[in-house]
Amino acid sequence: MPYVLISTQIRMEVGPTMVGDEHSDQHLMDYLGAIKRNVLGNHFWEYYVNDAPRIVLDKLEKYGYRVVSMTGVGQTLVWCLHKE
């Protein structure tokens, strides 16, 4: 999977950071130390880490990913990363 989306809401400095969904690469989720959860009211699963986005971005860079774009949506920040 060459693309990854990560996001955080409200508190960018401390996390948590959402790093994937139920279709994400399991090896990558293990590398990030992600935990799979289903939030009440959502019909999907997501992976998250308690790390701040900066920590996650550093880990993903070491794993070969590069930021393609970043945007803010309301109180949510989203980064798109790609791996060659």
PDB file of N, CA and C in Angstrom:
ATOM      1  N   MET A   1       0.845  -1.171   0.000  1.00  0.00           N
ATOM      2  CA  MET A   1       0.000   0.000   0.000  1.00  0.00           C
ATOM      3  C   MET A   1       0.895   1.239   0.000  1.00  0.00           C
ATOM      4  N   PRO A   2       0.961   1.940  -1.088  1.00  0.00           N
ATOM      5  CA  PRO A   2       1.897   3.058  -1.158  1.00  0.00           C
ATOM      6  C   PRO A   2       1.410   4.350  -0.489  1.00  0.00           C
ATOM      7  N   TYR A   3       0.114   4.478  -0.179  1.00  0.00           N
ATOM      8  CA  TYR A   3      -0.398   5.707   0.432  1.00  0.00           C
ATOM      9  C   TYR A   3      -0.867   5.451   1.857  1.00  0.00           C
ATOM     10  N   VAL A   4      -0.639   6.453   2.706  1.00  0.00           N
ATOM     11  CA  VAL A   4      -1.105   6.413   4.087  1.00  0.00           C
ATOM     12  C   VAL A   4      -1.698   7.774   4.413  1.00  0.00           C
ATOM     13  N   LEU A   5      -2.843   7.782   5.089  1.00  0.00           N
ATOM     14  CA  LEU A   5      -3.429   9.007   5.619  1.00  0.00           C
ATOM     15  C   LEU A   5      -3.329   8.951   7.131  1.00  0.00           C
ATOM     16  N   ILE A   6      -2.842  10.024   7.738  1.00  0.00           N
ATOM     17  CA  ILE A   6      -2.884  10.126   9.194  1.00  0.00           C
ATOM     18  C   ILE A   6      -3.608  11.413   9.542  1.00  0.00           C
ATOM     19  N   SER A   7      -4.217  11.437  10.716  1.00  0.00           N
ATOM     20  CA  SER A   7      -4.957  12.636  11.117  1.00  0.00           C
ATOM     21  C   SER A   7      -4.959  12.774  12.627  1.00  0.00           C
ATOM     22  N   THR A   8      -5.227  13.987  13.066  1.00  0.00           N
ATOM     23  CA  THR A   8      -5.383  14.260  14.489  1.00  0.00           C
ATOM     24  C   THR A   8      -6.443  15.338  14.641  1.00  0.00           C
ATOM     25  N   GLN A   9      -7.103  15.333  15.777  1.00  0.00           N
ATOM     26  CA  GLN A   9      -8.155  16.313  16.033  1.00  0.00           C
ATOM     27  C   GLN A   9      -7.777  17.186  17.227  1.00  0.00           C
ATOM     28  N   ILE A  10      -7.988  18.450  17.088  1.00  0.00           N
ATOM     29  CA  ILE A  10      -7.894  19.451  18.147  1.00  0.00           C
ATOM     30  C   ILE A  10      -6.483  19.610  18.724  1.00  0.00           C
ATOM     31  N   ARG A  11      -5.915  18.584  19.363  1.00  0.00           N
ATOM     32  CA  ARG A  11      -4.641  18.703  20.072  1.00  0.00           C
ATOM     33  C   ARG A  11      -3.494  18.107  19.270  1.00  0.00           C
ATOM     34  N   MET A  12      -2.915  18.878  18.367  1.00  0.00           N
ATOM     35  CA  MET A  12      -1.830  18.400  17.522  1.00  0.00           C
ATOM     36  C   MET A  12      -0.562  18.100  18.323  1.00  0.00           C
ATOM     37  N   GLU A  13      -0.344  18.767  19.440  1.00  0.00           N
ATOM     38  CA  GLU A  13       0.910  18.637  20.179  1.00  0.00           C
ATOM     39  C   GLU A  13       1.051  17.316  20.934  1.00  0.00           C
ATOM     40  N   VAL A  14      -0.055  16.687  21.276  1.00  0.00           N
ATOM     41  CA  VAL A  14       0.025  15.520  22.157  1.00  0.00           C
ATOM     42  C   VAL A  14      -0.614  14.251  21.602  1.00  0.00           C
ATOM     43  N   GLY A  15      -1.392  14.324  20.539  1.00  0.00           N
ATOM     44  CA  GLY A  15      -2.068  13.152  20.025  1.00  0.00           C
ATOM     45  C   GLY A  15      -3.413  12.965  20.702  1.00  0.00           C
ATOM     46  N   PRO A  16      -4.117  11.893  20.471  1.00  0.00           N
ATOM     47  CA  PRO A  16      -3.702  10.740  19.674  1.00  0.00           C
ATOM     48  C   PRO A  16      -3.713  11.045  18.174  1.00  0.00           C
ATOM     49  N   THR A  17      -3.110  10.148  17.410  1.00  0.00           N
ATOM     50  CA  THR A  17      -3.053  10.281  15.961  1.00  0.00           C
ATOM     51  C   THR A  17      -3.690   9.051  15.326  1.00  0.00           C
ATOM     52  N   MET A  18      -4.633   9.280  14.426  1.00  0.00           N
ATOM     53  CA  MET A  18      -5.250   8.182  13.681  1.00  0.00           C
ATOM     54  C   MET A  18      -4.304   7.822  12.534  1.00  0.00           C
ATOM     55  N   VAL A  19      -4.005   6.532  12.407  1.00  0.00           N
ATOM     56  CA  VAL A  19      -2.996   6.112  11.430  1.00  0.00           C
ATOM     57  C   VAL A  19      -3.492   5.100  10.404  1.00  0.00           C
ATOM     58  N   GLY A  20      -4.745   4.652  10.492  1.00  0.00           N
ATOM     59  CA  GLY A  20      -5.216   3.687   9.511  1.00  0.00           C
ATOM     60  C   GLY A  20      -6.631   3.226   9.769  1.00  0.00           C
ATOM     61  N   ASP A  21      -7.106   2.369   8.861  1.00  0.00           N
ATOM     62  CA  ASP A  21      -8.427   1.765   8.999  1.00  0.00           C
ATOM     63  C   ASP A  21      -8.292   0.248   8.939  1.00  0.00           C
ATOM     64  N   GLU A  22      -9.421  -0.440   8.889  1.00  0.00           N
ATOM     65  CA  GLU A  22      -9.382  -1.906   8.938  1.00  0.00           C
ATOM     66  C   GLU A  22      -8.688  -2.533   7.736  1.00  0.00           C
ATOM     67  N   HIS A  23      -8.440  -1.770   6.685  1.00  0.00           N
ATOM     68  CA  HIS A  23      -7.780  -2.285   5.489  1.00  0.00           C
ATOM     69  C   HIS A  23      -6.294  -1.925   5.438  1.00  0.00           C
ATOM     70  N   SER A  24      -5.762  -1.333   6.482  1.00  0.00           N
ATOM     71  CA  SER A  24      -4.373  -0.884   6.504  1.00  0.00           C
ATOM     72  C   SER A  24      -3.397  -2.054   6.594  1.00  0.00           C
ATOM     73  N   ASP A  25      -2.174  -1.796   6.168  1.00  0.00           N
ATOM     74  CA  ASP A  25      -1.088  -2.776   6.213  1.00  0.00           C
ATOM     75  C   ASP A  25      -0.788  -3.133   7.674  1.00  0.00           C
ATOM     76  N   GLN A  26      -0.995  -4.397   8.017  1.00  0.00           N
ATOM     77  CA  GLN A  26      -0.827  -4.838   9.400  1.00  0.00           C
ATOM     78  C   GLN A  26       0.620  -4.666   9.875  1.00  0.00           C
ATOM     79  N   HIS A  27       1.593  -4.914   9.002  1.00  0.00           N
ATOM     80  CA  HIS A  27       2.999  -4.755   9.390  1.00  0.00           C
ATOM     81  C   HIS A  27       3.309  -3.300   9.741  1.00  0.00           C
ATOM     82  N   LEU A  28       2.757  -2.375   8.962  1.00  0.00           N
ATOM     83  CA  LEU A  28       2.961  -0.955   9.229  1.00  0.00           C
ATOM     84  C   LEU A  28       2.291  -0.560  10.546  1.00  0.00           C
ATOM     85  N   MET A  29       1.093  -1.057  10.787  1.00  0.00           N
ATOM     86  CA  MET A  29       0.391  -0.742  12.034  1.00  0.00           C
ATOM     87  C   MET A  29       1.176  -1.279  13.233  1.00  0.00           C
ATOM     88  N   ASP A  30       1.753  -2.476  13.094  1.00  0.00           N
ATOM     89  CA  ASP A  30       2.580  -3.032  14.170  1.00  0.00           C
ATOM     90  C   ASP A  30       3.817  -2.173  14.400  1.00  0.00           C
ATOM     91  N   TYR A  31       4.458  -1.735  13.312  1.00  0.00           N
ATOM     92  CA  TYR A  31       5.641  -0.886  13.406  1.00  0.00           C
ATOM     93  C   TYR A  31       5.333   0.412  14.159  1.00  0.00           C
ATOM     94  N   LEU A  32       4.159   0.983  13.886  1.00  0.00           N
ATOM     95  CA  LEU A  32       3.763   2.227  14.546  1.00  0.00           C
ATOM     96  C   LEU A  32       3.269   2.012  15.980  1.00  0.00           C
ATOM     97  N   GLY A  33       2.998   0.758  16.342  1.00  0.00           N
ATOM     98  CA  GLY A  33       2.446   0.469  17.664  1.00  0.00           C
ATOM     99  C   GLY A  33       0.982   0.836  17.768  1.00  0.00           C
ATOM    100  N   ALA A  34       0.277   0.746  16.645  1.00  0.00           N
ATOM    101  CA  ALA A  34      -1.127   1.176  16.576  1.00  0.00           C
ATOM    102  C   ALA A  34      -2.071   0.182  17.242  1.00  0.00           C
ATOM    103  N   ILE A  35      -3.146   0.726  17.770  1.00  0.00           N
ATOM    104  CA  ILE A  35      -4.200  -0.056  18.415  1.00  0.00           C
ATOM    105  C   ILE A  35      -5.465   0.079  17.572  1.00  0.00           C
ATOM    106  N   LYS A  36      -6.127  -1.058  17.322  1.00  0.00           N
ATOM    107  CA  LYS A  36      -7.353  -1.064  16.517  1.00  0.00           C
ATOM    108  C   LYS A  36      -8.550  -0.859  17.441  1.00  0.00           C
ATOM    109  N   ARG A  37      -9.454   0.033  17.030  1.00  0.00           N
ATOM    110  CA  ARG A  37     -10.636   0.284  17.853  1.00  0.00           C
ATOM    111  C   ARG A  37     -11.838   0.608  16.962  1.00  0.00           C
ATOM    112  N   ASN A  38     -13.010   0.437  17.567  1.00  0.00           N
ATOM    113  CA  ASN A  38     -14.262   0.823  16.930  1.00  0.00           C
ATOM    114  C   ASN A  38     -14.952   1.800  17.866  1.00  0.00           C
ATOM    115  N   VAL A  39     -15.092   3.032  17.425  1.00  0.00           N
ATOM    116  CA  VAL A  39     -15.725   4.070  18.248  1.00  0.00           C
ATOM    117  C   VAL A  39     -17.236   3.915  18.163  1.00  0.00           C
ATOM    118  N   LEU A  40     -17.904   3.995  19.287  1.00  0.00           N
ATOM    119  CA  LEU A  40     -19.353   3.860  19.340  1.00  0.00           C
ATOM    120  C   LEU A  40     -20.016   4.804  18.344  1.00  0.00           C
ATOM    121  N   GLY A  41     -20.879   4.256  17.516  1.00  0.00           N
ATOM    122  CA  GLY A  41     -21.580   5.050  16.514  1.00  0.00           C
ATOM    123  C   GLY A  41     -20.955   4.982  15.133  1.00  0.00           C
ATOM    124  N   ASN A  42     -19.693   4.557  15.054  1.00  0.00           N
ATOM    125  CA  ASN A  42     -19.035   4.402  13.749  1.00  0.00           C
ATOM    126  C   ASN A  42     -19.223   2.974  13.247  1.00  0.00           C
ATOM    127  N   HIS A  43     -19.366   2.802  11.952  1.00  0.00           N
ATOM    128  CA  HIS A  43     -19.528   1.471  11.375  1.00  0.00           C
ATOM    129  C   HIS A  43     -18.219   0.955  10.792  1.00  0.00           C
ATOM    130  N   PHE A  44     -17.095   1.510  11.230  1.00  0.00           N
ATOM    131  CA  PHE A  44     -15.786   1.107  10.728  1.00  0.00           C
ATOM    132  C   PHE A  44     -14.795   1.048  11.892  1.00  0.00           C
ATOM    133  N   TRP A  45     -13.687   0.369  11.641  1.00  0.00           N
ATOM    134  CA  TRP A  45     -12.596   0.269  12.611  1.00  0.00           C
ATOM    135  C   TRP A  45     -11.495   1.237  12.207  1.00  0.00           C
ATOM    136  N   GLU A  46     -10.733   1.701  13.191  1.00  0.00           N
ATOM    137  CA  GLU A  46      -9.607   2.591  12.915  1.00  0.00           C
ATOM    138  C   GLU A  46      -8.434   2.202  13.804  1.00  0.00           C
ATOM    139  N   TYR A  47      -7.246   2.534  13.329  1.00  0.00           N
ATOM    140  CA  TYR A  47      -6.034   2.345  14.118  1.00  0.00           C
ATOM    141  C   TYR A  47      -5.570   3.704  14.620  1.00  0.00           C
ATOM    142  N   TYR A  48      -5.108   3.750  15.867  1.00  0.00           N
ATOM    143  CA  TYR A  48      -4.602   4.994  16.418  1.00  0.00           C
ATOM    144  C   TYR A  48      -3.382   4.709  17.286  1.00  0.00           C
ATOM    145  N   VAL A  49      -2.597   5.743  17.493  1.00  0.00           N
ATOM    146  CA  VAL A  49      -1.481   5.697  18.438  1.00  0.00           C
ATOM    147  C   VAL A  49      -1.632   6.902  19.369  1.00  0.00           C
ATOM    148  N   ASN A  50      -1.060   6.818  20.536  1.00  0.00           N
ATOM    149  CA  ASN A  50      -1.130   7.933  21.473  1.00  0.00           C
ATOM    150  C   ASN A  50      -0.061   8.989  21.206  1.00  0.00           C
ATOM    151  N   ASP A  51       0.815   8.727  20.245  1.00  0.00           N
ATOM    152  CA  ASP A  51       1.880   9.673  19.899  1.00  0.00           C
ATOM    153  C   ASP A  51       1.318  10.899  19.187  1.00  0.00           C
ATOM    154  N   ALA A  52       2.054  11.992  19.315  1.00  0.00           N
ATOM    155  CA  ALA A  52       1.736  13.207  18.563  1.00  0.00           C
ATOM    156  C   ALA A  52       2.039  12.968  17.080  1.00  0.00           C
ATOM    157  N   PRO A  53       1.382  13.692  16.182  1.00  0.00           N
ATOM    158  CA  PRO A  53       1.625  13.509  14.744  1.00  0.00           C
ATOM    159  C   PRO A  53       3.101  13.630  14.348  1.00  0.00           C
ATOM    160  N   ARG A  54       3.843  14.520  14.990  1.00  0.00           N
ATOM    161  CA  ARG A  54       5.258  14.687  14.661  1.00  0.00           C
ATOM    162  C   ARG A  54       6.036  13.390  14.861  1.00  0.00           C
ATOM    163  N   ILE A  55       5.740  12.670  15.928  1.00  0.00           N
ATOM    164  CA  ILE A  55       6.405  11.396  16.207  1.00  0.00           C
ATOM    165  C   ILE A  55       6.044  10.375  15.129  1.00  0.00           C
ATOM    166  N   VAL A  56       4.762  10.326  14.768  1.00  0.00           N
ATOM    167  CA  VAL A  56       4.298   9.392  13.732  1.00  0.00           C
ATOM    168  C   VAL A  56       4.944   9.728  12.385  1.00  0.00           C
ATOM    169  N   LEU A  57       4.990  11.008  12.043  1.00  0.00           N
ATOM    170  CA  LEU A  57       5.611  11.415  10.781  1.00  0.00           C
ATOM    171  C   LEU A  57       7.087  11.035  10.749  1.00  0.00           C
ATOM    172  N   ASP A  58       7.797  11.182  11.866  1.00  0.00           N
ATOM    173  CA  ASP A  58       9.206  10.772  11.932  1.00  0.00           C
ATOM    174  C   ASP A  58       9.354   9.272  11.706  1.00  0.00           C
ATOM    175  N   LYS A  59       8.488   8.478  12.341  1.00  0.00           N
ATOM    176  CA  LYS A  59       8.535   7.022  12.166  1.00  0.00           C
ATOM    177  C   LYS A  59       8.250   6.628  10.718  1.00  0.00           C
ATOM    178  N   LEU A  60       7.253   7.274  10.118  1.00  0.00           N
ATOM    179  CA  LEU A  60       6.904   6.952   8.734  1.00  0.00           C
ATOM    180  C   LEU A  60       8.020   7.348   7.771  1.00  0.00           C
ATOM    181  N   GLU A  61       8.714   8.428   8.046  1.00  0.00           N
ATOM    182  CA  GLU A  61       9.845   8.822   7.205  1.00  0.00           C
ATOM    183  C   GLU A  61      10.943   7.757   7.261  1.00  0.00           C
ATOM    184  N   LYS A  62      11.228   7.231   8.456  1.00  0.00           N
ATOM    185  CA  LYS A  62      12.223   6.169   8.606  1.00  0.00           C
ATOM    186  C   LYS A  62      11.798   4.903   7.868  1.00  0.00           C
ATOM    187  N   TYR A  63      10.502   4.708   7.705  1.00  0.00           N
ATOM    188  CA  TYR A  63       9.943   3.530   7.025  1.00  0.00           C
ATOM    189  C   TYR A  63       9.859   3.744   5.511  1.00  0.00           C
ATOM    190  N   GLY A  64      10.239   4.949   5.039  1.00  0.00           N
ATOM    191  CA  GLY A  64      10.286   5.215   3.608  1.00  0.00           C
ATOM    192  C   GLY A  64       9.163   6.071   3.051  1.00  0.00           C
ATOM    193  N   TYR A  65       8.298   6.580   3.894  1.00  0.00           N
ATOM    194  CA  TYR A  65       7.185   7.413   3.441  1.00  0.00           C
ATOM    195  C   TYR A  65       7.585   8.885   3.394  1.00  0.00           C
ATOM    196  N   ARG A  66       6.987   9.622   2.468  1.00  0.00           N
ATOM    197  CA  ARG A  66       7.204  11.059   2.332  1.00  0.00           C
ATOM    198  C   ARG A  66       5.847  11.761   2.292  1.00  0.00           C
ATOM    199  N   VAL A  67       5.761  12.937   2.916  1.00  0.00           N
ATOM    200  CA  VAL A  67       4.519  13.707   2.912  1.00  0.00           C
ATOM    201  C   VAL A  67       4.260  14.230   1.505  1.00  0.00           C
ATOM    202  N   VAL A  68       3.046  13.980   1.004  1.00  0.00           N
ATOM    203  CA  VAL A  68       2.616  14.472  -0.300  1.00  0.00           C
ATOM    204  C   VAL A  68       1.813  15.757  -0.128  1.00  0.00           C
ATOM    205  N   SER A  69       0.927  15.760   0.867  1.00  0.00           N
ATOM    206  CA  SER A  69       0.108  16.938   1.123  1.00  0.00           C
ATOM    207  C   SER A  69      -0.375  16.930   2.567  1.00  0.00           C
ATOM    208  N   MET A  70      -0.837  18.096   2.988  1.00  0.00           N
ATOM    209  CA  MET A  70      -1.374  18.266   4.336  1.00  0.00           C
ATOM    210  C   MET A  70      -2.455  19.325   4.264  1.00  0.00           C
ATOM    211  N   THR A  71      -3.528  19.136   5.038  1.00  0.00           N
ATOM    212  CA  THR A  71      -4.614  20.117   5.047  1.00  0.00           C
ATOM    213  C   THR A  71      -5.293  20.121   6.406  1.00  0.00           C
ATOM    214  N   GLY A  72      -6.018  21.177   6.661  1.00  0.00           N
ATOM    215  CA  GLY A  72      -6.831  21.270   7.852  1.00  0.00           C
ATOM    216  C   GLY A  72      -8.296  21.269   7.462  1.00  0.00           C
ATOM    217  N   VAL A  73      -9.089  20.486   8.191  1.00  0.00           N
ATOM    218  CA  VAL A  73     -10.526  20.403   7.942  1.00  0.00           C
ATOM    219  C   VAL A  73     -11.217  20.632   9.281  1.00  0.00           C
ATOM    220  N   GLY A  74     -11.757  21.829   9.494  1.00  0.00           N
ATOM    221  CA  GLY A  74     -12.334  22.141  10.803  1.00  0.00           C
ATOM    222  C   GLY A  74     -11.248  22.087  11.852  1.00  0.00           C
ATOM    223  N   GLN A  75     -11.420  21.229  12.853  1.00  0.00           N
ATOM    224  CA  GLN A  75     -10.412  21.061  13.903  1.00  0.00           C
ATOM    225  C   GLN A  75      -9.578  19.801  13.696  1.00  0.00           C
ATOM    226  N   THR A  76      -9.568  19.281  12.479  1.00  0.00           N
ATOM    227  CA  THR A  76      -8.815  18.083  12.142  1.00  0.00           C
ATOM    228  C   THR A  76      -7.703  18.434  11.169  1.00  0.00           C
ATOM    229  N   LEU A  77      -6.539  17.844  11.401  1.00  0.00           N
ATOM    230  CA  LEU A  77      -5.409  17.980  10.471  1.00  0.00           C
ATOM    231  C   LEU A  77      -5.177  16.628   9.815  1.00  0.00           C
ATOM    232  N   VAL A  78      -4.920  16.624   8.509  1.00  0.00           N
ATOM    233  CA  VAL A  78      -4.748  15.385   7.752  1.00  0.00           C
ATOM    234  C   VAL A  78      -3.469  15.488   6.919  1.00  0.00           C
ATOM    235  N   TRP A  79      -2.655  14.423   6.983  1.00  0.00           N
ATOM    236  CA  TRP A  79      -1.456  14.313   6.159  1.00  0.00           C
ATOM    237  C   TRP A  79      -1.612  13.117   5.236  1.00  0.00           C
ATOM    238  N   CYS A  80      -1.212  13.276   3.981  1.00  0.00           N
ATOM    239  CA  CYS A  80      -1.163  12.177   3.023  1.00  0.00           C
ATOM    240  C   CYS A  80       0.309  11.887   2.751  1.00  0.00           C
ATOM    241  N   LEU A  81       0.686  10.628   2.900  1.00  0.00           N
ATOM    242  CA  LEU A  81       2.077  10.212   2.674  1.00  0.00           C
ATOM    243  C   LEU A  81       2.120   9.131   1.602  1.00  0.00           C
ATOM    244  N   HIS A  82       3.245   9.051   0.897  1.00  0.00           N
ATOM    245  CA  HIS A  82       3.426   8.068  -0.168  1.00  0.00           C
ATOM    246  C   HIS A  82       4.786   7.406  -0.025  1.00  0.00           C
ATOM    247  N   LYS A  83       4.820   6.121  -0.360  1.00  0.00           N
ATOM    248  CA  LYS A  83       6.064   5.359  -0.339  1.00  0.00           C
ATOM    249  C   LYS A  83       6.321   4.836  -1.739  1.00  0.00           C
ATOM    250  N   GLU A  84       7.526   5.097  -2.255  1.00  0.00           N
ATOM    251  CA  GLU A  84       7.888   4.626  -3.610  1.00  0.00           C
ATOM    252  C   GLU A  84       8.012   3.126  -3.629  1.00  0.00           C
TER     253      GLU A  84
END
